[in-house]
C-alpha atoms as a PDB file:
ATOM      1  CA  MET A   1     -14.846  26.537   3.531  1.00  0.00           C
ATOM      2  CA  TRP A   2     -12.999  26.505   6.810  1.00  0.00           C
ATOM      3  CA  GLU A   3      -9.976  24.267   7.294  1.00  0.00           C
ATOM      4  CA  VAL A   4      -7.787  23.202  10.207  1.00  0.00           C
ATOM      5  CA  SER A   5      -5.419  20.312  10.757  1.00  0.00           C
ATOM      6  CA  CYS A   6      -4.047  18.514  13.757  1.00  0.00           C
ATOM      7  CA  ARG A   7      -0.657  19.902  12.735  1.00  0.00           C
ATOM      8  CA  ASP A   8      -2.116  23.428  13.007  1.00  0.00           C
ATOM      9  CA  LEU A   9      -2.953  22.545  16.613  1.00  0.00           C
ATOM     10  CA  GLY A  10       0.518  21.239  17.433  1.00  0.00           C
ATOM     11  CA  LEU A  11      -0.072  17.534  16.849  1.00  0.00           C
ATOM     12  CA  THR A  12       2.772  17.113  14.375  1.00  0.00           C
ATOM     13  CA  GLU A  13       2.462  13.325  14.180  1.00  0.00           C
ATOM     14  CA  CYS A  14      -1.124  13.458  12.808  1.00  0.00           C
ATOM     15  CA  ASP A  15      -1.958  14.310   9.187  1.00  0.00           C
ATOM     16  CA  PHE A  16      -5.719  14.771   9.717  1.00  0.00           C
ATOM     17  CA  VAL A  17      -7.264  17.833   8.043  1.00  0.00           C
ATOM     18  CA  ALA A  18     -10.877  18.901   8.475  1.00  0.00           C
ATOM     19  CA  SER A  19     -12.662  21.086   5.913  1.00  0.00           C
ATOM     20  CA  GLU A  20     -16.209  22.260   6.554  1.00  0.00           C
ATOM     21  CA  PRO A  21     -18.473  25.077   5.321  1.00  0.00           C
ATOM     22  CA  SER A  22     -19.043  26.491   8.803  1.00  0.00           C
ATOM     23  CA  MET A  23     -16.913  27.012  11.880  1.00  0.00           C
ATOM     24  CA  ARG A  24     -19.402  25.045  14.010  1.00  0.00           C
ATOM     25  CA  LYS A  25     -19.161  22.007  11.706  1.00  0.00           C
ATOM     26  CA  LEU A  26     -15.385  22.327  11.661  1.00  0.00           C
ATOM     27  CA  GLU A  27     -15.238  22.354  15.462  1.00  0.00           C
ATOM     28  CA  ASN A  28     -17.519  19.311  15.625  1.00  0.00           C
ATOM     29  CA  LYS A  29     -15.430  17.390  13.089  1.00  0.00           C
ATOM     30  CA  MET A  30     -12.231  18.150  14.994  1.00  0.00           C
ATOM     31  CA  LEU A  31     -13.818  17.061  18.286  1.00  0.00           C
ATOM     32  CA  GLU A  32     -15.049  13.832  16.707  1.00  0.00           C
ATOM     33  CA  HIS A  33     -11.566  13.156  15.344  1.00  0.00           C
ATOM     34  CA  ALA A  34      -9.995  13.941  18.725  1.00  0.00           C
ATOM     35  CA  ARG A  35     -12.370  11.537  20.500  1.00  0.00           C
ATOM     36  CA  ASP A  36     -11.595   8.778  17.968  1.00  0.00           C
ATOM     37  CA  GLU A  37      -7.861   9.272  17.409  1.00  0.00           C
ATOM     38  CA  HIS A  38      -6.582  11.317  20.368  1.00  0.00           C
ATOM     39  CA  PRO A  39      -8.811  10.261  23.281  1.00  0.00           C
ATOM     40  CA  GLU A  40      -6.122  11.163  25.811  1.00  0.00           C
ATOM     41  CA  LEU A  41      -6.593  14.819  24.837  1.00  0.00           C
ATOM     42  CA  VAL A  42     -10.315  14.961  25.535  1.00  0.00           C
ATOM     43  CA  ALA A  43     -10.935  12.387  28.263  1.00  0.00           C
ATOM     44  CA  GLY A  44     -12.185  14.116  31.379  1.00  0.00           C
ATOM     45  CA  ILE A  45     -11.688  17.689  30.168  1.00  0.00           C
ATOM     46  CA  THR A  46     -13.476  20.444  32.029  1.00  0.00           C
ATOM     47  CA  GLU A  47     -15.820  22.991  30.475  1.00  0.00           C
ATOM     48  CA  ASP A  48     -13.025  25.594  30.659  1.00  0.00           C
ATOM     49  CA  GLN A  49     -10.643  23.231  28.859  1.00  0.00           C
ATOM     50  CA  HIS A  50     -13.312  22.529  26.231  1.00  0.00           C
ATOM     51  CA  GLU A  51     -13.787  26.253  25.651  1.00  0.00           C
ATOM     52  CA  ALA A  52     -10.008  26.696  25.345  1.00  0.00           C
ATOM     53  CA  MET A  53      -9.890  23.880  22.787  1.00  0.00           C
ATOM     54  CA  MET A  54     -12.670  25.502  20.738  1.00  0.00           C
ATOM     55  CA  LYS A  55     -10.814  28.815  20.853  1.00  0.00           C
ATOM     56  CA  GLN A  56      -7.590  27.117  19.701  1.00  0.00           C
ATOM     57  CA  ILE A  57      -9.427  25.478  16.778  1.00  0.00           C
ATOM     58  CA  ALA A  58     -11.034  28.798  15.778  1.00  0.00           C
ATOM     59  CA  GLU A  59      -7.716  30.644  15.964  1.00  0.00           C
ATOM     60  CA  ALA A  60      -5.902  27.978  13.918  1.00  0.00           C
ATOM     61  CA  ALA A  61      -8.646  27.645  11.283  1.00  0.00           C
ATOM     62  CA  HIS A  62      -8.321  29.492   8.043  1.00  0.00           C
ATOM     63  CA  GLU A  63     -10.795  30.144   5.304  1.00  0.00           C
ATOM     64  CA  THR A  64     -10.050  28.400   2.036  1.00  0.00           C
ATOM     65  CA  ALA A  65     -11.493  29.122  -1.360  1.00  0.00           C
ATOM     66  CA  VAL A  66     -13.593  26.439  -2.983  1.00  0.00           C
ATOM     67  CA  HIS A  67     -13.085  26.148  -6.727  1.00  0.00           C
END
């Protein structure tokens, strides 16, 4: 499983954590959360900004063991 939180991305006031089996699903879950809870971060972003956001998510994500 891959995991990343809003706190990992610098949003210290948000406790949201996404856990998904693939990086693509993790990115999608974080984008969905951002659109719903942090719309000011994604409204009107350019393709370059979107790519930078995906890179930030991938760099902050860490693999977690599933027991």
